[in-house]
Amino acid sequence: MLAGGATEAEILADYPYLEPDDIRASLEYAAAQIDHAVVLAA
């Protein structure tokens, strides 16, 4: 949603069960996932 242009405040308003730390945790997870080596099979 952030990549699509939504602000953190908009996300939190749409999903009241989320907290700011939830958004930060999802960004940290995504950053960790793209930092992995990619192995291509030939």
PDB file of N, CA and C in Angstrom:
ATOM      1  N   MET A   1       0.821  -1.192   0.000  1.00  0.00           N
ATOM      2  CA  MET A   1       0.000   0.000   0.000  1.00  0.00           C
ATOM      3  C   MET A   1       0.867   1.258   0.000  1.00  0.00           C
ATOM      4  N   LEU A   2       1.961   1.208   0.736  1.00  0.00           N
ATOM      5  CA  LEU A   2       2.872   2.356   0.744  1.00  0.00           C
ATOM      6  C   LEU A   2       3.437   2.587  -0.652  1.00  0.00           C
ATOM      7  N   ALA A   3       3.817   1.513  -1.324  1.00  0.00           N
ATOM      8  CA  ALA A   3       4.361   1.633  -2.676  1.00  0.00           C
ATOM      9  C   ALA A   3       3.321   2.181  -3.643  1.00  0.00           C
ATOM     10  N   GLY A   4       2.062   1.963  -3.343  1.00  0.00           N
ATOM     11  CA  GLY A   4       0.989   2.455  -4.181  1.00  0.00           C
ATOM     12  C   GLY A   4       0.595   3.893  -3.895  1.00  0.00           C
ATOM     13  N   GLY A   5       1.246   4.509  -2.895  1.00  0.00           N
ATOM     14  CA  GLY A   5       0.997   5.911  -2.609  1.00  0.00           C
ATOM     15  C   GLY A   5       0.219   6.201  -1.344  1.00  0.00           C
ATOM     16  N   ALA A   6      -0.225   5.170  -0.648  1.00  0.00           N
ATOM     17  CA  ALA A   6      -0.947   5.389   0.609  1.00  0.00           C
ATOM     18  C   ALA A   6       0.024   5.843   1.689  1.00  0.00           C
ATOM     19  N   THR A   7      -0.448   6.701   2.550  1.00  0.00           N
ATOM     20  CA  THR A   7       0.387   7.129   3.670  1.00  0.00           C
ATOM     21  C   THR A   7       0.205   6.167   4.837  1.00  0.00           C
ATOM     22  N   GLU A   8       1.126   6.234   5.769  1.00  0.00           N
ATOM     23  CA  GLU A   8       1.010   5.399   6.962  1.00  0.00           C
ATOM     24  C   GLU A   8      -0.296   5.722   7.694  1.00  0.00           C
ATOM     25  N   ALA A   9      -0.643   6.984   7.766  1.00  0.00           N
ATOM     26  CA  ALA A   9      -1.882   7.390   8.450  1.00  0.00           C
ATOM     27  C   ALA A   9      -3.109   6.800   7.756  1.00  0.00           C
ATOM     28  N   GLU A  10      -3.111   6.783   6.434  1.00  0.00           N
ATOM     29  CA  GLU A  10      -4.246   6.209   5.702  1.00  0.00           C
ATOM     30  C   GLU A  10      -4.373   4.714   5.967  1.00  0.00           C
ATOM     31  N   ILE A  11      -3.253   4.031   5.976  1.00  0.00           N
ATOM     32  CA  ILE A  11      -3.264   2.591   6.237  1.00  0.00           C
ATOM     33  C   ILE A  11      -3.795   2.323   7.639  1.00  0.00           C
ATOM     34  N   LEU A  12      -3.307   3.072   8.599  1.00  0.00           N
ATOM     35  CA  LEU A  12      -3.742   2.865   9.982  1.00  0.00           C
ATOM     36  C   LEU A  12      -5.223   3.200  10.150  1.00  0.00           C
ATOM     37  N   ALA A  13      -5.728   4.165   9.406  1.00  0.00           N
ATOM     38  CA  ALA A  13      -7.152   4.508   9.478  1.00  0.00           C
ATOM     39  C   ALA A  13      -8.007   3.400   8.866  1.00  0.00           C
ATOM     40  N   ASP A  14      -7.521   2.797   7.781  1.00  0.00           N
ATOM     41  CA  ASP A  14      -8.272   1.730   7.111  1.00  0.00           C
ATOM     42  C   ASP A  14      -8.210   0.402   7.871  1.00  0.00           C
ATOM     43  N   TYR A  15      -7.141   0.200   8.620  1.00  0.00           N
ATOM     44  CA  TYR A  15      -6.934  -1.051   9.352  1.00  0.00           C
ATOM     45  C   TYR A  15      -6.637  -0.712  10.819  1.00  0.00           C
ATOM     46  N   PRO A  16      -7.665  -0.438  11.598  1.00  0.00           N
ATOM     47  CA  PRO A  16      -7.465   0.038  12.973  1.00  0.00           C
ATOM     48  C   PRO A  16      -6.780  -0.966  13.904  1.00  0.00           C
ATOM     49  N   TYR A  17      -6.730  -2.223  13.511  1.00  0.00           N
ATOM     50  CA  TYR A  17      -6.058  -3.222  14.344  1.00  0.00           C
ATOM     51  C   TYR A  17      -4.538  -3.199  14.148  1.00  0.00           C
ATOM     52  N   LEU A  18      -4.052  -2.438  13.162  1.00  0.00           N
ATOM     53  CA  LEU A  18      -2.611  -2.304  12.954  1.00  0.00           C
ATOM     54  C   LEU A  18      -2.057  -1.157  13.776  1.00  0.00           C
ATOM     55  N   GLU A  19      -0.773  -1.250  14.067  1.00  0.00           N
ATOM     56  CA  GLU A  19      -0.062  -0.197  14.774  1.00  0.00           C
ATOM     57  C   GLU A  19       1.128   0.234  13.911  1.00  0.00           C
ATOM     58  N   PRO A  20       1.668   1.422  14.147  1.00  0.00           N
ATOM     59  CA  PRO A  20       2.817   1.873  13.350  1.00  0.00           C
ATOM     60  C   PRO A  20       3.961   0.865  13.320  1.00  0.00           C
ATOM     61  N   ASP A  21       4.186   0.167  14.417  1.00  0.00           N
ATOM     62  CA  ASP A  21       5.256  -0.838  14.450  1.00  0.00           C
ATOM     63  C   ASP A  21       4.984  -1.980  13.476  1.00  0.00           C
ATOM     64  N   ASP A  22       3.716  -2.283  13.203  1.00  0.00           N
ATOM     65  CA  ASP A  22       3.386  -3.330  12.240  1.00  0.00           C
ATOM     66  C   ASP A  22       3.849  -2.936  10.841  1.00  0.00           C
ATOM     67  N   ILE A  23       3.660  -1.683  10.490  1.00  0.00           N
ATOM     68  CA  ILE A  23       4.086  -1.208   9.173  1.00  0.00           C
ATOM     69  C   ILE A  23       5.605  -1.245   9.075  1.00  0.00           C
ATOM     70  N   ARG A  24       6.286  -0.788  10.109  1.00  0.00           N
ATOM     71  CA  ARG A  24       7.751  -0.819  10.103  1.00  0.00           C
ATOM     72  C   ARG A  24       8.267  -2.251  10.021  1.00  0.00           C
ATOM     73  N   ALA A  25       7.623  -3.165  10.730  1.00  0.00           N
ATOM     74  CA  ALA A  25       8.044  -4.564  10.699  1.00  0.00           C
ATOM     75  C   ALA A  25       7.890  -5.150   9.296  1.00  0.00           C
ATOM     76  N   SER A  26       6.815  -4.783   8.605  1.00  0.00           N
ATOM     77  CA  SER A  26       6.626  -5.305   7.251  1.00  0.00           C
ATOM     78  C   SER A  26       7.692  -4.751   6.304  1.00  0.00           C
ATOM     79  N   LEU A  27       8.086  -3.504   6.496  1.00  0.00           N
ATOM     80  CA  LEU A  27       9.150  -2.927   5.663  1.00  0.00           C
ATOM     81  C   LEU A  27      10.492  -3.576   5.955  1.00  0.00           C
ATOM     82  N   GLU A  28      10.769  -3.853   7.217  1.00  0.00           N
ATOM     83  CA  GLU A  28      12.016  -4.526   7.581  1.00  0.00           C
ATOM     84  C   GLU A  28      12.062  -5.930   6.985  1.00  0.00           C
ATOM     85  N   TYR A  29      10.922  -6.627   7.018  1.00  0.00           N
ATOM     86  CA  TYR A  29      10.847  -7.970   6.450  1.00  0.00           C
ATOM     87  C   TYR A  29      11.106  -7.914   4.944  1.00  0.00           C
ATOM     88  N   ALA A  30      10.453  -6.991   4.258  1.00  0.00           N
ATOM     89  CA  ALA A  30      10.632  -6.869   2.804  1.00  0.00           C
ATOM     90  C   ALA A  30      12.079  -6.548   2.458  1.00  0.00           C
ATOM     91  N   ALA A  31      12.696  -5.651   3.218  1.00  0.00           N
ATOM     92  CA  ALA A  31      14.091  -5.294   2.970  1.00  0.00           C
ATOM     93  C   ALA A  31      14.993  -6.504   3.149  1.00  0.00           C
ATOM     94  N   ALA A  32      14.726  -7.314   4.152  1.00  0.00           N
ATOM     95  CA  ALA A  32      15.543  -8.505   4.390  1.00  0.00           C
ATOM     96  C   ALA A  32      15.370  -9.511   3.257  1.00  0.00           C
ATOM     97  N   GLN A  33      14.172  -9.619   2.712  1.00  0.00           N
ATOM     98  CA  GLN A  33      13.920 -10.588   1.645  1.00  0.00           C
ATOM     99  C   GLN A  33      14.625 -10.214   0.347  1.00  0.00           C
ATOM    100  N   ILE A  34      14.719  -8.932   0.046  1.00  0.00           N
ATOM    101  CA  ILE A  34      15.369  -8.555  -1.212  1.00  0.00           C
ATOM    102  C   ILE A  34      16.888  -8.527  -1.085  1.00  0.00           C
ATOM    103  N   ASP A  35      17.397  -8.743   0.116  1.00  0.00           N
ATOM    104  CA  ASP A  35      18.831  -8.740   0.345  1.00  0.00           C
ATOM    105  C   ASP A  35      19.428 -10.139   0.181  1.00  0.00           C
ATOM    106  N   HIS A  36      18.613 -11.139  -0.178  1.00  0.00           N
ATOM    107  CA  HIS A  36      19.096 -12.510  -0.336  1.00  0.00           C
ATOM    108  C   HIS A  36      19.701 -12.700  -1.722  1.00  0.00           C
ATOM    109  N   ALA A  37      20.683 -13.574  -1.772  1.00  0.00           N
ATOM    110  CA  ALA A  37      21.284 -13.909  -3.069  1.00  0.00           C
ATOM    111  C   ALA A  37      20.266 -14.663  -3.920  1.00  0.00           C
ATOM    112  N   VAL A  38      20.345 -14.468  -5.216  1.00  0.00           N
ATOM    113  CA  VAL A  38      19.454 -15.148  -6.154  1.00  0.00           C
ATOM    114  C   VAL A  38      20.267 -16.161  -6.929  1.00  0.00           C
ATOM    115  N   VAL A  39      19.818 -17.406  -6.919  1.00  0.00           N
ATOM    116  CA  VAL A  39      20.502 -18.467  -7.654  1.00  0.00           C
ATOM    117  C   VAL A  39      19.593 -18.885  -8.801  1.00  0.00           C
ATOM    118  N   LEU A  40      20.108 -18.785 -10.020  1.00  0.00           N
ATOM    119  CA  LEU A  40      19.347 -19.161 -11.197  1.00  0.00           C
ATOM    120  C   LEU A  40      19.808 -20.517 -11.681  1.00  0.00           C
ATOM    121  N   ALA A  41      18.883 -21.419 -11.897  1.00  0.00           N
ATOM    122  CA  ALA A  41      19.210 -22.737 -12.429  1.00  0.00           C
ATOM    123  C   ALA A  41      19.261 -22.656 -13.952  1.00  0.00           C
ATOM    124  N   ALA A  42      20.249 -23.279 -14.503  1.00  0.00           N
ATOM    125  CA  ALA A  42      20.405 -23.234 -15.968  1.00  0.00           C
ATOM    126  C   ALA A  42      19.636 -24.325 -16.646  1.00  0.00           C
TER     127      ALA A  42
END
